[in-house]
Amino acid sequence: MPTVSTVSLSSQPIDRVWQEVLDIASFPSYMDEVREVEILHQEQDVRRSRWSILLKGSILEWEEEERIDTENRKITFHQIEGDLAYFTGWWHVRQTDRGVSTQMHVEFDIGIPLLADMLNPVAARALEENAQKILSRIDTRAGSPA
């Protein structure tokens, strides 16, 4: 199964970066590739959200369930329904010797077995490019005045 793992290092305070990662509803306001994020339900550390993103000119949509681990600054998610056959992953914000590391890890399956060998590498590159842009914009926003 294809995986994409992207890391961004930041000089911003870890709590500020974590708050930006948590605030998915604001992503469309400062990320061109994120068309819409709607929080459908949240109860304590479990959240359900609907996403619509642009991926190489195509629209990708899904609903996901997220588990928020505030103590470890980690969000794990999995697609409940959507355009991909399988979509799961996590965000993790942690302090390192070189700064604040924000990592986004995704595993996916496009769900077209006959074309998987051709399409999975293309989809992986597109998801990685999007993830890098998203992490960069989170870092920029974390450095902006509140």
N, C-alpha and C. Protein backbone atom coordinates (compact mmCIF):
# COMPACT_ATOMS: atom_id res chain seq x y z
N MET A 1 0.85 -1.18 0.00
CA MET A 1 0.00 0.00 0.00
C MET A 1 0.90 1.24 0.00
N PRO A 2 0.63 2.20 -0.88
CA PRO A 2 1.46 3.40 -0.93
C PRO A 2 1.37 4.21 0.36
N THR A 3 2.50 4.80 0.73
CA THR A 3 2.56 5.69 1.89
C THR A 3 3.28 6.97 1.51
N VAL A 4 2.89 8.02 2.19
CA VAL A 4 3.54 9.32 2.04
C VAL A 4 3.82 9.83 3.44
N SER A 5 5.05 10.24 3.68
CA SER A 5 5.42 10.80 4.97
C SER A 5 6.21 12.08 4.73
N THR A 6 5.72 13.17 5.27
CA THR A 6 6.32 14.48 5.05
C THR A 6 6.58 15.14 6.40
N VAL A 7 7.74 15.78 6.52
CA VAL A 7 8.13 16.43 7.78
C VAL A 7 8.50 17.88 7.49
N SER A 8 8.09 18.75 8.41
CA SER A 8 8.46 20.16 8.34
C SER A 8 9.07 20.55 9.68
N LEU A 9 10.15 21.31 9.66
CA LEU A 9 10.75 21.82 10.89
C LEU A 9 10.42 23.29 11.03
N SER A 10 10.12 23.70 12.25
CA SER A 10 9.72 25.07 12.52
C SER A 10 10.49 25.63 13.71
N SER A 11 10.68 26.92 13.70
CA SER A 11 11.28 27.60 14.86
C SER A 11 10.19 28.19 15.76
N GLN A 12 8.93 27.97 15.39
CA GLN A 12 7.82 28.51 16.18
C GLN A 12 7.61 27.69 17.45
N PRO A 13 6.97 28.25 18.46
CA PRO A 13 6.69 27.50 19.70
C PRO A 13 5.80 26.29 19.41
N ILE A 14 6.11 25.19 20.07
CA ILE A 14 5.40 23.94 19.81
C ILE A 14 3.90 24.06 20.06
N ASP A 15 3.49 24.78 21.10
CA ASP A 15 2.06 24.91 21.38
C ASP A 15 1.34 25.67 20.28
N ARG A 16 2.01 26.65 19.70
CA ARG A 16 1.41 27.43 18.61
C ARG A 16 1.24 26.56 17.36
N VAL A 17 2.26 25.77 17.03
CA VAL A 17 2.17 24.87 15.87
C VAL A 17 1.06 23.84 16.09
N TRP A 18 1.01 23.27 17.30
CA TRP A 18 -0.02 22.28 17.62
C TRP A 18 -1.42 22.87 17.46
N GLN A 19 -1.62 24.10 17.92
CA GLN A 19 -2.94 24.74 17.79
C GLN A 19 -3.31 24.93 16.32
N GLU A 20 -2.34 25.26 15.49
CA GLU A 20 -2.63 25.43 14.05
C GLU A 20 -2.99 24.10 13.41
N VAL A 21 -2.30 23.02 13.79
CA VAL A 21 -2.62 21.69 13.26
C VAL A 21 -4.03 21.29 13.68
N LEU A 22 -4.39 21.58 14.92
CA LEU A 22 -5.73 21.24 15.41
C LEU A 22 -6.84 22.02 14.70
N ASP A 23 -6.55 23.23 14.27
CA ASP A 23 -7.57 24.13 13.72
C ASP A 23 -7.80 23.85 12.23
N ILE A 24 -8.24 22.63 11.92
CA ILE A 24 -8.43 22.24 10.52
C ILE A 24 -9.52 23.06 9.83
N ALA A 25 -10.49 23.54 10.58
CA ALA A 25 -11.58 24.31 9.97
C ALA A 25 -11.08 25.60 9.32
N SER A 26 -9.94 26.11 9.78
CA SER A 26 -9.41 27.34 9.19
C SER A 26 -8.51 27.08 7.98
N PHE A 27 -8.15 25.83 7.72
CA PHE A 27 -7.23 25.53 6.61
C PHE A 27 -7.65 26.17 5.29
N PRO A 28 -8.93 26.10 4.88
CA PRO A 28 -9.30 26.68 3.59
C PRO A 28 -9.05 28.19 3.50
N SER A 29 -9.01 28.88 4.63
CA SER A 29 -8.81 30.33 4.61
C SER A 29 -7.39 30.72 4.24
N TYR A 30 -6.44 29.80 4.37
CA TYR A 30 -5.06 30.16 4.02
C TYR A 30 -4.31 29.08 3.24
N MET A 31 -5.02 28.08 2.76
CA MET A 31 -4.42 27.02 1.94
C MET A 31 -5.22 26.86 0.66
N ASP A 32 -4.61 27.22 -0.46
CA ASP A 32 -5.31 27.12 -1.75
C ASP A 32 -5.72 25.69 -2.08
N GLU A 33 -4.90 24.72 -1.68
CA GLU A 33 -5.20 23.34 -2.04
C GLU A 33 -6.31 22.71 -1.20
N VAL A 34 -6.69 23.36 -0.11
CA VAL A 34 -7.78 22.86 0.74
C VAL A 34 -9.02 23.70 0.43
N ARG A 35 -9.99 23.09 -0.26
CA ARG A 35 -11.19 23.80 -0.67
C ARG A 35 -12.16 23.98 0.49
N GLU A 36 -12.33 22.90 1.29
CA GLU A 36 -13.30 22.95 2.37
C GLU A 36 -12.96 21.92 3.43
N VAL A 37 -13.13 22.31 4.69
CA VAL A 37 -13.08 21.38 5.81
C VAL A 37 -14.24 21.76 6.71
N GLU A 38 -15.09 20.80 6.97
CA GLU A 38 -16.24 21.02 7.85
C GLU A 38 -16.17 20.03 8.99
N ILE A 39 -16.21 20.55 10.20
CA ILE A 39 -16.26 19.67 11.37
C ILE A 39 -17.71 19.26 11.56
N LEU A 40 -17.97 17.98 11.42
CA LEU A 40 -19.33 17.46 11.49
C LEU A 40 -19.75 17.15 12.91
N HIS A 41 -18.80 16.72 13.71
CA HIS A 41 -19.10 16.34 15.09
C HIS A 41 -17.79 16.25 15.87
N GLN A 42 -17.84 16.68 17.12
CA GLN A 42 -16.69 16.50 18.00
C GLN A 42 -17.18 16.23 19.40
N GLU A 43 -16.64 15.18 19.98
CA GLU A 43 -16.93 14.84 21.36
C GLU A 43 -15.62 14.44 22.02
N GLN A 44 -15.17 15.27 22.93
CA GLN A 44 -13.89 15.09 23.62
C GLN A 44 -12.77 14.93 22.59
N ASP A 45 -12.10 13.78 22.56
CA ASP A 45 -10.94 13.63 21.69
C ASP A 45 -11.25 12.94 20.36
N VAL A 46 -12.52 12.81 20.01
CA VAL A 46 -12.91 12.20 18.74
C VAL A 46 -13.65 13.25 17.91
N ARG A 47 -13.21 13.40 16.67
CA ARG A 47 -13.79 14.41 15.79
C ARG A 47 -14.08 13.76 14.44
N ARG A 48 -15.17 14.18 13.82
CA ARG A 48 -15.50 13.73 12.47
C ARG A 48 -15.53 14.96 11.58
N SER A 49 -14.87 14.87 10.42
CA SER A 49 -14.79 16.03 9.54
C SER A 49 -14.95 15.61 8.08
N ARG A 50 -15.38 16.57 7.27
CA ARG A 50 -15.52 16.38 5.83
C ARG A 50 -14.49 17.28 5.14
N TRP A 51 -13.75 16.72 4.20
CA TRP A 51 -12.68 17.42 3.51
C TRP A 51 -12.93 17.46 2.00
N SER A 52 -12.48 18.54 1.37
CA SER A 52 -12.44 18.65 -0.07
C SER A 52 -11.14 19.37 -0.42
N ILE A 53 -10.27 18.68 -1.17
CA ILE A 53 -8.98 19.28 -1.53
C ILE A 53 -8.78 19.21 -3.04
N LEU A 54 -7.89 20.07 -3.52
CA LEU A 54 -7.46 20.02 -4.91
C LEU A 54 -6.16 19.22 -4.97
N LEU A 55 -6.14 18.24 -5.85
CA LEU A 55 -4.96 17.40 -6.01
C LEU A 55 -4.65 17.32 -7.49
N LYS A 56 -3.66 18.08 -7.92
CA LYS A 56 -3.26 18.13 -9.33
C LYS A 56 -4.44 18.44 -10.25
N GLY A 57 -5.25 19.42 -9.85
CA GLY A 57 -6.37 19.85 -10.67
C GLY A 57 -7.65 19.05 -10.49
N SER A 58 -7.59 17.97 -9.73
CA SER A 58 -8.79 17.16 -9.46
C SER A 58 -9.25 17.41 -8.04
N ILE A 59 -10.53 17.23 -7.81
CA ILE A 59 -11.09 17.39 -6.47
C ILE A 59 -11.14 16.02 -5.80
N LEU A 60 -10.61 15.94 -4.59
CA LEU A 60 -10.63 14.72 -3.78
C LEU A 60 -11.44 15.03 -2.53
N GLU A 61 -12.46 14.20 -2.25
CA GLU A 61 -13.34 14.45 -1.11
C GLU A 61 -13.47 13.20 -0.26
N TRP A 62 -13.62 13.42 1.06
CA TRP A 62 -13.81 12.31 1.99
C TRP A 62 -14.30 12.82 3.33
N GLU A 63 -14.83 11.89 4.13
CA GLU A 63 -15.12 12.14 5.54
C GLU A 63 -14.18 11.26 6.33
N GLU A 64 -13.70 11.81 7.44
CA GLU A 64 -12.77 11.05 8.28
C GLU A 64 -13.14 11.16 9.74
N GLU A 65 -12.69 10.16 10.49
CA GLU A 65 -12.78 10.21 11.94
C GLU A 65 -11.37 10.41 12.46
N GLU A 66 -11.23 11.32 13.39
CA GLU A 66 -9.93 11.66 13.95
C GLU A 66 -9.93 11.41 15.45
N ARG A 67 -8.83 10.90 15.94
CA ARG A 67 -8.61 10.75 17.38
C ARG A 67 -7.47 11.69 17.75
N ILE A 68 -7.76 12.59 18.68
CA ILE A 68 -6.81 13.64 19.06
C ILE A 68 -6.17 13.25 20.38
N ASP A 69 -4.85 13.10 20.36
CA ASP A 69 -4.06 12.80 21.55
C ASP A 69 -3.29 14.07 21.91
N THR A 70 -3.90 14.90 22.73
CA THR A 70 -3.32 16.20 23.07
C THR A 70 -2.01 16.04 23.82
N GLU A 71 -1.94 15.08 24.72
CA GLU A 71 -0.73 14.88 25.52
C GLU A 71 0.49 14.61 24.63
N ASN A 72 0.31 13.81 23.58
CA ASN A 72 1.42 13.48 22.68
C ASN A 72 1.41 14.31 21.40
N ARG A 73 0.47 15.25 21.31
CA ARG A 73 0.32 16.13 20.14
C ARG A 73 0.27 15.32 18.84
N LYS A 74 -0.66 14.37 18.83
CA LYS A 74 -0.81 13.50 17.67
C LYS A 74 -2.29 13.34 17.33
N ILE A 75 -2.58 13.40 16.04
CA ILE A 75 -3.93 13.16 15.53
C ILE A 75 -3.84 11.97 14.58
N THR A 76 -4.59 10.93 14.86
CA THR A 76 -4.70 9.81 13.92
C THR A 76 -6.05 9.90 13.23
N PHE A 77 -6.09 9.52 11.96
CA PHE A 77 -7.34 9.64 11.22
C PHE A 77 -7.51 8.46 10.26
N HIS A 78 -8.77 8.21 9.92
CA HIS A 78 -9.08 7.23 8.88
C HIS A 78 -10.35 7.67 8.15
N GLN A 79 -10.34 7.40 6.86
CA GLN A 79 -11.49 7.74 6.03
C GLN A 79 -12.67 6.84 6.39
N ILE A 80 -13.83 7.46 6.55
CA ILE A 80 -15.07 6.73 6.78
C ILE A 80 -15.76 6.47 5.44
N GLU A 81 -15.76 7.49 4.60
CA GLU A 81 -16.27 7.36 3.24
C GLU A 81 -15.58 8.41 2.39
N GLY A 82 -15.48 8.12 1.09
CA GLY A 82 -14.84 9.09 0.23
C GLY A 82 -14.36 8.51 -1.08
N ASP A 83 -13.56 9.31 -1.77
CA ASP A 83 -13.13 8.98 -3.13
C ASP A 83 -12.10 7.86 -3.21
N LEU A 84 -11.32 7.66 -2.17
CA LEU A 84 -10.30 6.61 -2.19
C LEU A 84 -10.84 5.34 -1.56
N ALA A 85 -10.28 4.20 -1.95
CA ALA A 85 -10.70 2.93 -1.36
C ALA A 85 -10.23 2.84 0.09
N TYR A 86 -9.08 3.47 0.38
CA TYR A 86 -8.50 3.41 1.72
C TYR A 86 -7.68 4.68 1.93
N PHE A 87 -7.83 5.30 3.09
CA PHE A 87 -7.09 6.52 3.40
C PHE A 87 -6.99 6.64 4.91
N THR A 88 -5.79 6.56 5.43
CA THR A 88 -5.57 6.63 6.87
C THR A 88 -4.22 7.29 7.13
N GLY A 89 -4.02 7.79 8.34
CA GLY A 89 -2.73 8.41 8.63
C GLY A 89 -2.72 9.13 9.96
N TRP A 90 -1.74 10.02 10.10
CA TRP A 90 -1.60 10.78 11.33
C TRP A 90 -0.79 12.05 11.11
N TRP A 91 -1.02 12.98 12.03
CA TRP A 91 -0.23 14.20 12.17
C TRP A 91 0.48 14.07 13.51
N HIS A 92 1.72 14.51 13.60
CA HIS A 92 2.43 14.46 14.88
C HIS A 92 3.33 15.69 15.00
N VAL A 93 3.14 16.42 16.08
CA VAL A 93 3.95 17.61 16.36
C VAL A 93 4.81 17.30 17.58
N ARG A 94 6.13 17.47 17.44
CA ARG A 94 7.01 17.18 18.58
C ARG A 94 8.23 18.09 18.57
N GLN A 95 8.77 18.27 19.74
CA GLN A 95 9.98 19.08 19.90
C GLN A 95 11.19 18.21 19.59
N THR A 96 12.12 18.74 18.79
CA THR A 96 13.37 18.05 18.50
C THR A 96 14.52 18.99 18.80
N ASP A 97 15.74 18.50 18.70
CA ASP A 97 16.92 19.34 18.90
C ASP A 97 17.02 20.44 17.85
N ARG A 98 16.41 20.21 16.68
CA ARG A 98 16.50 21.17 15.58
C ARG A 98 15.29 22.08 15.47
N GLY A 99 14.32 21.92 16.36
CA GLY A 99 13.11 22.75 16.32
C GLY A 99 11.87 21.90 16.48
N VAL A 100 10.75 22.46 16.10
CA VAL A 100 9.47 21.74 16.20
C VAL A 100 9.25 20.98 14.89
N SER A 101 9.09 19.68 15.01
CA SER A 101 8.85 18.82 13.87
C SER A 101 7.35 18.55 13.74
N THR A 102 6.81 18.80 12.56
CA THR A 102 5.43 18.44 12.26
C THR A 102 5.49 17.41 11.15
N GLN A 103 4.96 16.24 11.44
CA GLN A 103 4.98 15.16 10.46
C GLN A 103 3.56 14.78 10.08
N MET A 104 3.37 14.58 8.79
CA MET A 104 2.09 14.09 8.27
C MET A 104 2.38 12.78 7.54
N HIS A 105 1.70 11.72 7.95
CA HIS A 105 1.91 10.40 7.37
C HIS A 105 0.57 9.89 6.85
N VAL A 106 0.55 9.39 5.61
CA VAL A 106 -0.68 8.92 4.99
C VAL A 106 -0.42 7.58 4.30
N GLU A 107 -1.36 6.66 4.46
CA GLU A 107 -1.39 5.42 3.69
C GLU A 107 -2.68 5.45 2.88
N PHE A 108 -2.62 5.01 1.62
CA PHE A 108 -3.81 5.10 0.79
C PHE A 108 -3.86 4.00 -0.25
N ASP A 109 -5.05 3.82 -0.80
CA ASP A 109 -5.27 2.91 -1.92
C ASP A 109 -6.29 3.59 -2.82
N ILE A 110 -5.94 3.78 -4.08
CA ILE A 110 -6.86 4.47 -4.98
C ILE A 110 -8.06 3.61 -5.35
N GLY A 111 -7.94 2.29 -5.18
CA GLY A 111 -9.09 1.42 -5.39
C GLY A 111 -9.33 0.98 -6.82
N ILE A 112 -8.31 1.10 -7.67
CA ILE A 112 -8.42 0.63 -9.06
C ILE A 112 -7.26 -0.35 -9.29
N PRO A 113 -7.44 -1.61 -8.94
CA PRO A 113 -6.34 -2.57 -8.98
C PRO A 113 -5.61 -2.66 -10.33
N LEU A 114 -6.34 -2.61 -11.43
CA LEU A 114 -5.70 -2.75 -12.74
C LEU A 114 -4.79 -1.57 -13.08
N LEU A 115 -5.05 -0.41 -12.47
CA LEU A 115 -4.24 0.78 -12.77
C LEU A 115 -3.34 1.19 -11.61
N ALA A 116 -3.34 0.41 -10.54
CA ALA A 116 -2.61 0.78 -9.32
C ALA A 116 -1.12 1.00 -9.58
N ASP A 117 -0.49 0.12 -10.36
CA ASP A 117 0.95 0.26 -10.61
C ASP A 117 1.28 1.57 -11.30
N MET A 118 0.39 2.04 -12.13
CA MET A 118 0.61 3.29 -12.84
C MET A 118 0.17 4.51 -12.02
N LEU A 119 -1.00 4.41 -11.37
CA LEU A 119 -1.57 5.58 -10.70
C LEU A 119 -1.05 5.82 -9.28
N ASN A 120 -0.72 4.76 -8.54
CA ASN A 120 -0.27 4.96 -7.16
C ASN A 120 0.95 5.86 -7.04
N PRO A 121 2.00 5.68 -7.87
CA PRO A 121 3.15 6.59 -7.76
C PRO A 121 2.80 8.05 -8.07
N VAL A 122 1.92 8.25 -9.04
CA VAL A 122 1.48 9.61 -9.39
C VAL A 122 0.70 10.21 -8.22
N ALA A 123 -0.22 9.43 -7.65
CA ALA A 123 -1.01 9.91 -6.51
C ALA A 123 -0.11 10.18 -5.31
N ALA A 124 0.88 9.32 -5.08
CA ALA A 124 1.79 9.51 -3.94
C ALA A 124 2.57 10.82 -4.09
N ARG A 125 3.08 11.09 -5.29
CA ARG A 125 3.81 12.35 -5.51
C ARG A 125 2.90 13.56 -5.30
N ALA A 126 1.68 13.48 -5.81
CA ALA A 126 0.73 14.59 -5.66
C ALA A 126 0.37 14.80 -4.19
N LEU A 127 0.12 13.71 -3.46
CA LEU A 127 -0.19 13.83 -2.02
C LEU A 127 1.00 14.40 -1.25
N GLU A 128 2.21 13.98 -1.62
CA GLU A 128 3.40 14.50 -0.93
C GLU A 128 3.57 16.00 -1.19
N GLU A 129 3.38 16.43 -2.43
CA GLU A 129 3.47 17.86 -2.74
C GLU A 129 2.44 18.65 -1.96
N ASN A 130 1.21 18.16 -1.91
CA ASN A 130 0.16 18.84 -1.14
C ASN A 130 0.52 18.89 0.34
N ALA A 131 0.99 17.78 0.88
CA ALA A 131 1.34 17.72 2.30
C ALA A 131 2.45 18.72 2.62
N GLN A 132 3.46 18.81 1.75
CA GLN A 132 4.54 19.78 1.97
C GLN A 132 4.01 21.21 1.99
N LYS A 133 3.11 21.53 1.07
CA LYS A 133 2.52 22.87 1.04
C LYS A 133 1.70 23.14 2.30
N ILE A 134 0.92 22.15 2.71
CA ILE A 134 0.09 22.31 3.91
C ILE A 134 0.96 22.54 5.14
N LEU A 135 2.00 21.73 5.31
CA LEU A 135 2.88 21.89 6.47
C LEU A 135 3.60 23.24 6.44
N SER A 136 4.02 23.68 5.27
CA SER A 136 4.67 24.98 5.14
C SER A 136 3.73 26.11 5.54
N ARG A 137 2.48 26.02 5.12
CA ARG A 137 1.52 27.07 5.45
C ARG A 137 1.15 27.06 6.93
N ILE A 138 1.11 25.88 7.54
CA ILE A 138 0.88 25.80 8.99
C ILE A 138 2.01 26.51 9.72
N ASP A 139 3.26 26.25 9.31
CA ASP A 139 4.41 26.90 9.95
C ASP A 139 4.34 28.41 9.78
N THR A 140 4.02 28.88 8.58
CA THR A 140 3.92 30.32 8.34
C THR A 140 2.84 30.93 9.22
N ARG A 141 1.70 30.28 9.29
CA ARG A 141 0.59 30.80 10.10
C ARG A 141 0.93 30.77 11.59
N ALA A 142 1.64 29.75 12.03
CA ALA A 142 2.03 29.67 13.45
C ALA A 142 2.94 30.83 13.83
N GLY A 143 3.67 31.36 12.86
CA GLY A 143 4.56 32.49 13.12
C GLY A 143 3.88 33.84 13.02
N SER A 144 2.63 33.85 12.57
CA SER A 144 1.88 35.10 12.46
C SER A 144 1.32 35.50 13.82
N PRO A 145 1.14 36.79 14.05
CA PRO A 145 0.53 37.22 15.32
C PRO A 145 -0.86 36.62 15.48
N ALA A 146 -1.18 36.23 16.69
CA ALA A 146 -2.49 35.62 16.97
C ALA A 146 -3.60 36.64 16.86
